[in-house]
């Protein structure tokens, strides 16, 4: 009985731990206004998150490269419209957002 309860609690903790970052990342995307230009599955002003994930899939330096792009801004990779810099966004939040975008399917 005791083992069963411990197993259920462990499973619940893992489930919550897995789900929480996705919700937190979506909240961060809204907080920092990423959703004004990006959507999960369609191009808006900027590319869809799924397209970014596909383009950088398997690249070991993708998180660092995209974190730098988010922080400093840039243009030319997805067309002529520049992405403005996001210098005020904390590096830790940028990393969470970039990892979340790269996990998009």
PDB file of N, CA and C in Angstrom:
ATOM      1  N   UNK A   1       0.832  -1.191   0.000  1.00  0.00           N
ATOM      2  CA  UNK A   1       0.000   0.000   0.000  1.00  0.00           C
ATOM      3  C   UNK A   1       0.875   1.253   0.000  1.00  0.00           C
ATOM      4  N   UNK A   2       1.841   1.284   0.905  1.00  0.00           N
ATOM      5  CA  UNK A   2       2.717   2.439   1.011  1.00  0.00           C
ATOM      6  C   UNK A   2       3.513   2.627  -0.287  1.00  0.00           C
ATOM      7  N   UNK A   3       3.981   1.517  -0.861  1.00  0.00           N
ATOM      8  CA  UNK A   3       4.749   1.573  -2.098  1.00  0.00           C
ATOM      9  C   UNK A   3       3.893   2.114  -3.242  1.00  0.00           C
ATOM     10  N   UNK A   4       2.641   1.715  -3.276  1.00  0.00           N
ATOM     11  CA  UNK A   4       1.722   2.172  -4.304  1.00  0.00           C
ATOM     12  C   UNK A   4       1.521   3.685  -4.220  1.00  0.00           C
ATOM     13  N   UNK A   5       1.370   4.211  -3.035  1.00  0.00           N
ATOM     14  CA  UNK A   5       1.192   5.659  -2.847  1.00  0.00           C
ATOM     15  C   UNK A   5       2.446   6.397  -3.274  1.00  0.00           C
ATOM     16  N   UNK A   6       3.605   5.892  -2.894  1.00  0.00           N
ATOM     17  CA  UNK A   6       4.867   6.529  -3.274  1.00  0.00           C
ATOM     18  C   UNK A   6       5.019   6.527  -4.799  1.00  0.00           C
ATOM     19  N   UNK A   7       4.676   5.428  -5.430  1.00  0.00           N
ATOM     20  CA  UNK A   7       4.771   5.343  -6.889  1.00  0.00           C
ATOM     21  C   UNK A   7       3.838   6.355  -7.553  1.00  0.00           C
ATOM     22  N   UNK A   8       2.625   6.470  -7.036  1.00  0.00           N
ATOM     23  CA  UNK A   8       1.666   7.431  -7.604  1.00  0.00           C
ATOM     24  C   UNK A   8       2.155   8.865  -7.411  1.00  0.00           C
ATOM     25  N   UNK A   9       2.702   9.168  -6.250  1.00  0.00           N
ATOM     26  CA  UNK A   9       3.223  10.514  -6.006  1.00  0.00           C
ATOM     27  C   UNK A   9       4.403  10.810  -6.919  1.00  0.00           C
ATOM     28  N   UNK A  10       5.265   9.845  -7.105  1.00  0.00           N
ATOM     29  CA  UNK A  10       6.417  10.033  -7.987  1.00  0.00           C
ATOM     30  C   UNK A  10       5.954  10.270  -9.424  1.00  0.00           C
ATOM     31  N   UNK A  11       4.976   9.479  -9.864  1.00  0.00           N
ATOM     32  CA  UNK A  11       4.443   9.655 -11.207  1.00  0.00           C
ATOM     33  C   UNK A  11       3.823  11.048 -11.359  1.00  0.00           C
ATOM     34  N   UNK A  12       3.067  11.484 -10.376  1.00  0.00           N
ATOM     35  CA  UNK A  12       2.434  12.805 -10.427  1.00  0.00           C
ATOM     36  C   UNK A  12       3.481  13.915 -10.474  1.00  0.00           C
ATOM     37  N   UNK A  13       4.536  13.761  -9.713  1.00  0.00           N
ATOM     38  CA  UNK A  13       5.603  14.769  -9.708  1.00  0.00           C
ATOM     39  C   UNK A  13       6.274  14.859 -11.074  1.00  0.00           C
ATOM     40  N   UNK A  14       6.518  13.722 -11.681  1.00  0.00           N
ATOM     41  CA  UNK A  14       7.131  13.716 -13.010  1.00  0.00           C
ATOM     42  C   UNK A  14       6.181  14.331 -14.028  1.00  0.00           C
ATOM     43  N   UNK A  15       4.912  13.974 -13.970  1.00  0.00           N
ATOM     44  CA  UNK A  15       3.931  14.516 -14.907  1.00  0.00           C
ATOM     45  C   UNK A  15       3.833  16.030 -14.779  1.00  0.00           C
ATOM     46  N   UNK A  16       3.796  16.526 -13.578  1.00  0.00           N
ATOM     47  CA  UNK A  16       3.720  17.974 -13.362  1.00  0.00           C
ATOM     48  C   UNK A  16       5.008  18.632 -13.821  1.00  0.00           C
ATOM     49  N   UNK A  17       6.129  18.014 -13.536  1.00  0.00           N
ATOM     50  CA  UNK A  17       7.422  18.565 -13.945  1.00  0.00           C
ATOM     51  C   UNK A  17       7.561  18.639 -15.449  1.00  0.00           C
ATOM     52  N   UNK A  18       6.967  17.709 -16.160  1.00  0.00           N
ATOM     53  CA  UNK A  18       7.049  17.716 -17.613  1.00  0.00           C
ATOM     54  C   UNK A  18       6.084  18.749 -18.197  1.00  0.00           C
ATOM     55  N   UNK A  19       4.911  18.859 -17.656  1.00  0.00           N
ATOM     56  CA  UNK A  19       3.910  19.765 -18.200  1.00  0.00           C
ATOM     57  C   UNK A  19       4.186  21.218 -17.849  1.00  0.00           C
ATOM     58  N   UNK A  20       4.725  21.483 -16.683  1.00  0.00           N
ATOM     59  CA  UNK A  20       4.897  22.851 -16.217  1.00  0.00           C
ATOM     60  C   UNK A  20       5.750  23.708 -17.143  1.00  0.00           C
ATOM     61  N   UNK A  21       6.892  23.231 -17.656  1.00  0.00           N
ATOM     62  CA  UNK A  21       7.687  24.102 -18.521  1.00  0.00           C
ATOM     63  C   UNK A  21       6.948  24.545 -19.785  1.00  0.00           C
ATOM     64  N   UNK A  22       6.126  23.695 -20.359  1.00  0.00           N
ATOM     65  CA  UNK A  22       5.392  24.085 -21.561  1.00  0.00           C
ATOM     66  C   UNK A  22       4.438  25.238 -21.259  1.00  0.00           C
ATOM     67  N   UNK A  23       3.719  25.145 -20.156  1.00  0.00           N
ATOM     68  CA  UNK A  23       2.827  26.239 -19.777  1.00  0.00           C
ATOM     69  C   UNK A  23       3.625  27.488 -19.452  1.00  0.00           C
ATOM     70  N   UNK A  24       4.722  27.317 -18.719  1.00  0.00           N
ATOM     71  CA  UNK A  24       5.554  28.453 -18.343  1.00  0.00           C
ATOM     72  C   UNK A  24       6.122  29.123 -19.589  1.00  0.00           C
ATOM     73  N   UNK A  25       6.540  28.334 -20.569  1.00  0.00           N
ATOM     74  CA  UNK A  25       7.112  28.893 -21.793  1.00  0.00           C
ATOM     75  C   UNK A  25       6.070  29.655 -22.596  1.00  0.00           C
ATOM     76  N   UNK A  26       4.870  29.116 -22.688  1.00  0.00           N
ATOM     77  CA  UNK A  26       3.803  29.825 -23.395  1.00  0.00           C
ATOM     78  C   UNK A  26       3.499  31.138 -22.695  1.00  0.00           C
ATOM     79  N   UNK A  27       3.519  31.123 -21.384  1.00  0.00           N
ATOM     80  CA  UNK A  27       3.301  32.357 -20.625  1.00  0.00           C
ATOM     81  C   UNK A  27       4.416  33.362 -20.877  1.00  0.00           C
ATOM     82  N   UNK A  28       5.659  32.872 -20.950  1.00  0.00           N
ATOM     83  CA  UNK A  28       6.787  33.763 -21.245  1.00  0.00           C
ATOM     84  C   UNK A  28       6.646  34.356 -22.646  1.00  0.00           C
ATOM     85  N   UNK A  29       6.224  33.560 -23.608  1.00  0.00           N
ATOM     86  CA  UNK A  29       6.051  34.056 -24.977  1.00  0.00           C
ATOM     87  C   UNK A  29       5.016  35.186 -25.004  1.00  0.00           C
ATOM     88  N   UNK A  30       3.969  35.043 -24.230  1.00  0.00           N
ATOM     89  CA  UNK A  30       2.966  36.103 -24.147  1.00  0.00           C
ATOM     90  C   UNK A  30       3.528  37.311 -23.395  1.00  0.00           C
ATOM     91  N   UNK A  31       4.197  37.051 -22.284  1.00  0.00           N
ATOM     92  CA  UNK A  31       4.748  38.123 -21.444  1.00  0.00           C
ATOM     93  C   UNK A  31       5.691  39.020 -22.238  1.00  0.00           C
ATOM     94  N   UNK A  32       6.548  38.410 -23.051  1.00  0.00           N
ATOM     95  CA  UNK A  32       7.546  39.181 -23.793  1.00  0.00           C
ATOM     96  C   UNK A  32       7.088  39.535 -25.210  1.00  0.00           C
ATOM     97  N   UNK A  33       5.812  39.326 -25.488  1.00  0.00           N
ATOM     98  CA  UNK A  33       5.168  39.738 -26.733  1.00  0.00           C
ATOM     99  C   UNK A  33       5.688  39.005 -27.973  1.00  0.00           C
ATOM    100  N   UNK A  34       6.229  37.805 -27.799  1.00  0.00           N
ATOM    101  CA  UNK A  34       6.673  36.993 -28.940  1.00  0.00           C
ATOM    102  C   UNK A  34       5.499  36.673 -29.859  1.00  0.00           C
ATOM    103  N   UNK A  35       4.337  36.514 -29.257  1.00  0.00           N
ATOM    104  CA  UNK A  35       3.149  36.104 -30.011  1.00  0.00           C
ATOM    105  C   UNK A  35       2.601  37.211 -30.910  1.00  0.00           C
ATOM    106  N   UNK A  36       3.146  38.403 -30.802  1.00  0.00           N
ATOM    107  CA  UNK A  36       2.739  39.467 -31.724  1.00  0.00           C
ATOM    108  C   UNK A  36       3.244  39.184 -33.136  1.00  0.00           C
ATOM    109  N   UNK A  37       4.358  38.446 -33.236  1.00  0.00           N
ATOM    110  CA  UNK A  37       4.967  38.169 -34.542  1.00  0.00           C
ATOM    111  C   UNK A  37       5.078  36.679 -34.874  1.00  0.00           C
ATOM    112  N   UNK A  38       4.930  35.811 -33.881  1.00  0.00           N
ATOM    113  CA  UNK A  38       5.125  34.376 -34.091  1.00  0.00           C
ATOM    114  C   UNK A  38       3.928  33.571 -33.595  1.00  0.00           C
ATOM    115  N   UNK A  39       3.678  32.459 -34.271  1.00  0.00           N
ATOM    116  CA  UNK A  39       2.660  31.490 -33.853  1.00  0.00           C
ATOM    117  C   UNK A  39       3.300  30.109 -33.926  1.00  0.00           C
ATOM    118  N   UNK A  40       2.680  29.153 -33.283  1.00  0.00           N
ATOM    119  CA  UNK A  40       3.235  27.799 -33.243  1.00  0.00           C
ATOM    120  C   UNK A  40       3.277  27.149 -34.613  1.00  0.00           C
ATOM    121  N   UNK A  41       2.223  27.338 -35.408  1.00  0.00           N
ATOM    122  CA  UNK A  41       2.103  26.539 -36.627  1.00  0.00           C
ATOM    123  C   UNK A  41       1.881  27.319 -37.916  1.00  0.00           C
ATOM    124  N   UNK A  42       1.994  28.643 -37.859  1.00  0.00           N
ATOM    125  CA  UNK A  42       1.828  29.414 -39.095  1.00  0.00           C
ATOM    126  C   UNK A  42       2.723  30.646 -39.078  1.00  0.00           C
ATOM    127  N   UNK A  43       3.153  31.033 -40.270  1.00  0.00           N
ATOM    128  CA  UNK A  43       3.968  32.231 -40.406  1.00  0.00           C
ATOM    129  C   UNK A  43       3.089  33.442 -40.162  1.00  0.00           C
ATOM    130  N   UNK A  44       3.616  34.367 -39.423  1.00  0.00           N
ATOM    131  CA  UNK A  44       2.940  35.651 -39.231  1.00  0.00           C
ATOM    132  C   UNK A  44       3.921  36.702 -39.762  1.00  0.00           C
ATOM    133  N   UNK A  45       4.332  37.616 -38.925  1.00  0.00           N
ATOM    134  CA  UNK A  45       5.391  38.545 -39.302  1.00  0.00           C
ATOM    135  C   UNK A  45       6.713  37.778 -39.339  1.00  0.00           C
ATOM    136  N   UNK A  46       6.890  36.918 -38.356  1.00  0.00           N
ATOM    137  CA  UNK A  46       8.065  36.058 -38.285  1.00  0.00           C
ATOM    138  C   UNK A  46       7.669  34.616 -38.535  1.00  0.00           C
ATOM    139  N   UNK A  47       8.655  33.740 -38.556  1.00  0.00           N
ATOM    140  CA  UNK A  47       8.378  32.333 -38.846  1.00  0.00           C
ATOM    141  C   UNK A  47       7.594  31.635 -37.733  1.00  0.00           C
ATOM    142  N   UNK A  48       6.933  30.551 -38.098  1.00  0.00           N
ATOM    143  CA  UNK A  48       6.234  29.709 -37.122  1.00  0.00           C
ATOM    144  C   UNK A  48       7.275  29.009 -36.258  1.00  0.00           C
ATOM    145  N   UNK A  49       6.927  28.764 -35.017  1.00  0.00           N
ATOM    146  CA  UNK A  49       7.843  28.056 -34.113  1.00  0.00           C
ATOM    147  C   UNK A  49       8.228  26.697 -34.696  1.00  0.00           C
ATOM    148  N   UNK A  50       7.255  25.998 -35.300  1.00  0.00           N
ATOM    149  CA  UNK A  50       7.561  24.664 -35.852  1.00  0.00           C
ATOM    150  C   UNK A  50       8.564  24.756 -36.993  1.00  0.00           C
ATOM    151  N   UNK A  51       8.533  25.834 -37.761  1.00  0.00           N
ATOM    152  CA  UNK A  51       9.488  26.014 -38.852  1.00  0.00           C
ATOM    153  C   UNK A  51      10.891  26.309 -38.316  1.00  0.00           C
ATOM    154  N   UNK A  52      10.958  27.082 -37.241  1.00  0.00           N
ATOM    155  CA  UNK A  52      12.247  27.350 -36.604  1.00  0.00           C
ATOM    156  C   UNK A  52      12.818  26.039 -36.069  1.00  0.00           C
ATOM    157  N   UNK A  53      11.977  25.265 -35.399  1.00  0.00           N
ATOM    158  CA  UNK A  53      12.425  23.978 -34.844  1.00  0.00           C
ATOM    159  C   UNK A  53      12.945  23.059 -35.949  1.00  0.00           C
ATOM    160  N   UNK A  54      12.243  23.014 -37.073  1.00  0.00           N
ATOM    161  CA  UNK A  54      12.664  22.152 -38.181  1.00  0.00           C
ATOM    162  C   UNK A  54      13.981  22.623 -38.780  1.00  0.00           C
ATOM    163  N   UNK A  55      14.148  23.918 -38.930  1.00  0.00           N
ATOM    164  CA  UNK A  55      15.364  24.471 -39.541  1.00  0.00           C
ATOM    165  C   UNK A  55      16.602  24.182 -38.694  1.00  0.00           C
ATOM    166  N   UNK A  56      16.455  24.233 -37.371  1.00  0.00           N
ATOM    167  CA  UNK A  56      17.613  24.088 -36.482  1.00  0.00           C
ATOM    168  C   UNK A  56      17.712  22.698 -35.844  1.00  0.00           C
ATOM    169  N   UNK A  57      16.855  21.770 -36.268  1.00  0.00           N
ATOM    170  CA  UNK A  57      16.851  20.419 -35.706  1.00  0.00           C
ATOM    171  C   UNK A  57      18.227  19.768 -35.855  1.00  0.00           C
ATOM    172  N   UNK A  58      18.715  19.223 -34.761  1.00  0.00           N
ATOM    173  CA  UNK A  58      19.981  18.506 -34.782  1.00  0.00           C
ATOM    174  C   UNK A  58      21.222  19.379 -34.702  1.00  0.00           C
ATOM    175  N   UNK A  59      21.069  20.684 -34.678  1.00  0.00           N
ATOM    176  CA  UNK A  59      22.223  21.575 -34.578  1.00  0.00           C
ATOM    177  C   UNK A  59      22.591  21.754 -33.110  1.00  0.00           C
ATOM    178  N   UNK A  60      23.763  21.318 -32.750  1.00  0.00           N
ATOM    179  CA  UNK A  60      24.206  21.351 -31.356  1.00  0.00           C
ATOM    180  C   UNK A  60      24.255  22.770 -30.787  1.00  0.00           C
ATOM    181  N   UNK A  61      24.532  23.740 -31.624  1.00  0.00           N
ATOM    182  CA  UNK A  61      24.663  25.113 -31.147  1.00  0.00           C
ATOM    183  C   UNK A  61      23.387  25.943 -31.333  1.00  0.00           C
ATOM    184  N   UNK A  62      22.282  25.288 -31.626  1.00  0.00           N
ATOM    185  CA  UNK A  62      21.037  26.008 -31.922  1.00  0.00           C
ATOM    186  C   UNK A  62      20.567  26.879 -30.771  1.00  0.00           C
ATOM    187  N   UNK A  63      20.630  26.377 -29.548  1.00  0.00           N
ATOM    188  CA  UNK A  63      20.141  27.171 -28.409  1.00  0.00           C
ATOM    189  C   UNK A  63      20.979  28.436 -28.257  1.00  0.00           C
ATOM    190  N   UNK A  64      22.278  28.300 -28.317  1.00  0.00           N
ATOM    191  CA  UNK A  64      23.157  29.467 -28.174  1.00  0.00           C
ATOM    192  C   UNK A  64      22.972  30.444 -29.336  1.00  0.00           C
ATOM    193  N   UNK A  65      22.904  29.913 -30.552  1.00  0.00           N
ATOM    194  CA  UNK A  65      22.758  30.746 -31.753  1.00  0.00           C
ATOM    195  C   UNK A  65      21.440  31.519 -31.719  1.00  0.00           C
ATOM    196  N   UNK A  66      20.353  30.827 -31.407  1.00  0.00           N
ATOM    197  CA  UNK A  66      19.048  31.487 -31.397  1.00  0.00           C
ATOM    198  C   UNK A  66      18.870  32.404 -30.194  1.00  0.00           C
ATOM    199  N   UNK A  67      19.455  32.050 -29.064  1.00  0.00           N
ATOM    200  CA  UNK A  67      19.395  32.929 -27.891  1.00  0.00           C
ATOM    201  C   UNK A  67      20.063  34.266 -28.212  1.00  0.00           C
ATOM    202  N   UNK A  68      21.195  34.198 -28.889  1.00  0.00           N
ATOM    203  CA  UNK A  68      21.906  35.414 -29.290  1.00  0.00           C
ATOM    204  C   UNK A  68      21.059  36.228 -30.264  1.00  0.00           C
ATOM    205  N   UNK A  69      20.400  35.543 -31.204  1.00  0.00           N
ATOM    206  CA  UNK A  69      19.545  36.220 -32.193  1.00  0.00           C
ATOM    207  C   UNK A  69      18.360  36.901 -31.503  1.00  0.00           C
ATOM    208  N   UNK A  70      17.758  36.223 -30.531  1.00  0.00           N
ATOM    209  CA  UNK A  70      16.634  36.815 -29.803  1.00  0.00           C
ATOM    210  C   UNK A  70      17.104  38.047 -29.028  1.00  0.00           C
ATOM    211  N   UNK A  71      18.246  37.937 -28.381  1.00  0.00           N
ATOM    212  CA  UNK A  71      18.774  39.033 -27.560  1.00  0.00           C
ATOM    213  C   UNK A  71      19.135  40.253 -28.414  1.00  0.00           C
ATOM    214  N   UNK A  72      19.855  40.001 -29.514  1.00  0.00           N
ATOM    215  CA  UNK A  72      20.395  41.103 -30.325  1.00  0.00           C
ATOM    216  C   UNK A  72      19.520  41.494 -31.514  1.00  0.00           C
ATOM    217  N   UNK A  73      18.578  40.627 -31.890  1.00  0.00           N
ATOM    218  CA  UNK A  73      17.772  40.878 -33.072  1.00  0.00           C
ATOM    219  C   UNK A  73      18.533  40.450 -34.317  1.00  0.00           C
ATOM    220  N   UNK A  74      17.909  40.608 -35.464  1.00  0.00           N
ATOM    221  CA  UNK A  74      18.585  40.249 -36.701  1.00  0.00           C
ATOM    222  C   UNK A  74      17.621  40.215 -37.857  1.00  0.00           C
ATOM    223  N   UNK A  75      18.172  39.953 -39.048  1.00  0.00           N
ATOM    224  CA  UNK A  75      17.335  39.866 -40.242  1.00  0.00           C
ATOM    225  C   UNK A  75      18.034  39.029 -41.297  1.00  0.00           C
ATOM    226  N   UNK A  76      17.271  38.682 -42.334  1.00  0.00           N
ATOM    227  CA  UNK A  76      17.832  37.999 -43.477  1.00  0.00           C
ATOM    228  C   UNK A  76      17.681  36.496 -43.485  1.00  0.00           C
ATOM    229  N   UNK A  77      17.489  35.858 -42.335  1.00  0.00           N
ATOM    230  CA  UNK A  77      17.363  34.407 -42.296  1.00  0.00           C
ATOM    231  C   UNK A  77      15.978  33.977 -42.769  1.00  0.00           C
ATOM    232  N   UNK A  78      14.949  34.728 -42.385  1.00  0.00           N
ATOM    233  CA  UNK A  78      13.565  34.363 -42.703  1.00  0.00           C
ATOM    234  C   UNK A  78      12.908  35.375 -43.625  1.00  0.00           C
ATOM    235  N   UNK A  79      13.677  36.252 -44.196  1.00  0.00           N
ATOM    236  CA  UNK A  79      13.129  37.268 -45.077  1.00  0.00           C
ATOM    237  C   UNK A  79      13.606  38.653 -44.682  1.00  0.00           C
ATOM    238  N   UNK A  80      13.071  39.674 -45.311  1.00  0.00           N
ATOM    239  CA  UNK A  80      13.572  41.029 -45.108  1.00  0.00           C
ATOM    240  C   UNK A  80      13.120  41.727 -43.825  1.00  0.00           C
ATOM    241  N   UNK A  81      12.083  41.224 -43.174  1.00  0.00           N
ATOM    242  CA  UNK A  81      11.579  41.889 -41.975  1.00  0.00           C
ATOM    243  C   UNK A  81      12.499  41.569 -40.793  1.00  0.00           C
ATOM    244  N   UNK A  82      13.102  42.583 -40.184  1.00  0.00           N
ATOM    245  CA  UNK A  82      14.020  42.327 -39.072  1.00  0.00           C
ATOM    246  C   UNK A  82      13.280  41.969 -37.787  1.00  0.00           C
ATOM    247  N   UNK A  83      13.937  41.139 -36.986  1.00  0.00           N
ATOM    248  CA  UNK A  83      13.433  40.872 -35.642  1.00  0.00           C
ATOM    249  C   UNK A  83      14.119  41.874 -34.724  1.00  0.00           C
ATOM    250  N   UNK A  84      13.348  42.639 -33.972  1.00  0.00           N
ATOM    251  CA  UNK A  84      13.965  43.628 -33.088  1.00  0.00           C
ATOM    252  C   UNK A  84      14.717  42.949 -31.946  1.00  0.00           C
ATOM    253  N   UNK A  85      15.703  43.639 -31.400  1.00  0.00           N
ATOM    254  CA  UNK A  85      16.413  43.075 -30.246  1.00  0.00           C
ATOM    255  C   UNK A  85      15.510  43.012 -29.018  1.00  0.00           C
ATOM    256  N   UNK A  86      15.815  42.056 -28.165  1.00  0.00           N
ATOM    257  CA  UNK A  86      15.076  41.880 -26.914  1.00  0.00           C
ATOM    258  C   UNK A  86      16.046  41.935 -25.748  1.00  0.00           C
ATOM    259  N   UNK A  87      16.796  43.017 -25.683  1.00  0.00           N
ATOM    260  CA  UNK A  87      17.867  43.168 -24.702  1.00  0.00           C
ATOM    261  C   UNK A  87      17.358  43.169 -23.258  1.00  0.00           C
ATOM    262  N   UNK A  88      16.115  43.556 -23.041  1.00  0.00           N
ATOM    263  CA  UNK A  88      15.579  43.628 -21.682  1.00  0.00           C
ATOM    264  C   UNK A  88      15.107  42.275 -21.149  1.00  0.00           C
ATOM    265  N   UNK A  89      15.016  41.280 -22.019  1.00  0.00           N
ATOM    266  CA  UNK A  89      14.558  39.957 -21.588  1.00  0.00           C
ATOM    267  C   UNK A  89      15.731  39.229 -20.927  1.00  0.00           C
ATOM    268  N   UNK A  90      15.541  38.728 -19.715  1.00  0.00           N
ATOM    269  CA  UNK A  90      16.636  38.019 -19.027  1.00  0.00           C
ATOM    270  C   UNK A  90      17.115  36.802 -19.830  1.00  0.00           C
ATOM    271  N   UNK A  91      18.425  36.573 -19.796  1.00  0.00           N
ATOM    272  CA  UNK A  91      19.022  35.458 -20.535  1.00  0.00           C
ATOM    273  C   UNK A  91      18.375  34.119 -20.189  1.00  0.00           C
ATOM    274  N   UNK A  92      18.063  33.916 -18.917  1.00  0.00           N
ATOM    275  CA  UNK A  92      17.457  32.647 -18.491  1.00  0.00           C
ATOM    276  C   UNK A  92      16.092  32.453 -19.152  1.00  0.00           C
ATOM    277  N   UNK A  93      15.313  33.525 -19.279  1.00  0.00           N
ATOM    278  CA  UNK A  93      14.008  33.428 -19.933  1.00  0.00           C
ATOM    279  C   UNK A  93      14.169  33.190 -21.432  1.00  0.00           C
ATOM    280  N   UNK A  94      15.148  33.828 -22.041  1.00  0.00           N
ATOM    281  CA  UNK A  94      15.404  33.603 -23.469  1.00  0.00           C
ATOM    282  C   UNK A  94      15.756  32.146 -23.702  1.00  0.00           C
ATOM    283  N   UNK A  95      16.594  31.579 -22.850  1.00  0.00           N
ATOM    284  CA  UNK A  95      16.993  30.173 -23.003  1.00  0.00           C
ATOM    285  C   UNK A  95      15.773  29.258 -22.911  1.00  0.00           C
ATOM    286  N   UNK A  96      14.901  29.501 -21.944  1.00  0.00           N
ATOM    287  CA  UNK A  96      13.684  28.701 -21.793  1.00  0.00           C
ATOM    288  C   UNK A  96      12.819  28.825 -23.047  1.00  0.00           C
ATOM    289  N   UNK A  97      12.649  30.038 -23.543  1.00  0.00           N
ATOM    290  CA  UNK A  97      11.833  30.253 -24.737  1.00  0.00           C
ATOM    291  C   UNK A  97      12.421  29.551 -25.962  1.00  0.00           C
ATOM    292  N   UNK A  98      13.726  29.687 -26.148  1.00  0.00           N
ATOM    293  CA  UNK A  98      14.374  29.065 -27.313  1.00  0.00           C
ATOM    294  C   UNK A  98      14.266  27.544 -27.230  1.00  0.00           C
ATOM    295  N   UNK A  99      14.501  26.973 -26.065  1.00  0.00           N
ATOM    296  CA  UNK A  99      14.374  25.515 -25.918  1.00  0.00           C
ATOM    297  C   UNK A  99      12.943  25.068 -26.192  1.00  0.00           C
ATOM    298  N   UNK A 100      11.988  25.852 -25.764  1.00  0.00           N
ATOM    299  CA  UNK A 100      10.568  25.545 -25.996  1.00  0.00           C
ATOM    300  C   UNK A 100      10.251  25.609 -27.495  1.00  0.00           C
ATOM    301  N   UNK A 101      10.731  26.648 -28.171  1.00  0.00           N
ATOM    302  CA  UNK A 101      10.495  26.765 -29.607  1.00  0.00           C
ATOM    303  C   UNK A 101      11.132  25.595 -30.342  1.00  0.00           C
ATOM    304  N   UNK A 102      12.347  25.226 -29.967  1.00  0.00           N
ATOM    305  CA  UNK A 102      13.040  24.137 -30.641  1.00  0.00           C
ATOM    306  C   UNK A 102      12.369  22.780 -30.406  1.00  0.00           C
ATOM    307  N   UNK A 103      11.577  22.677 -29.361  1.00  0.00           N
ATOM    308  CA  UNK A 103      10.850  21.437 -29.073  1.00  0.00           C
ATOM    309  C   UNK A 103       9.495  21.367 -29.784  1.00  0.00           C
ATOM    310  N   UNK A 104       9.122  22.441 -30.482  1.00  0.00           N
ATOM    311  CA  UNK A 104       7.843  22.491 -31.175  1.00  0.00           C
ATOM    312  C   UNK A 104       7.829  21.522 -32.350  1.00  0.00           C
ATOM    313  N   UNK A 105       6.718  20.825 -32.499  1.00  0.00           N
ATOM    314  CA  UNK A 105       6.579  19.879 -33.613  1.00  0.00           C
ATOM    315  C   UNK A 105       5.511  20.332 -34.571  1.00  0.00           C
TER     316      UNK A 105
END
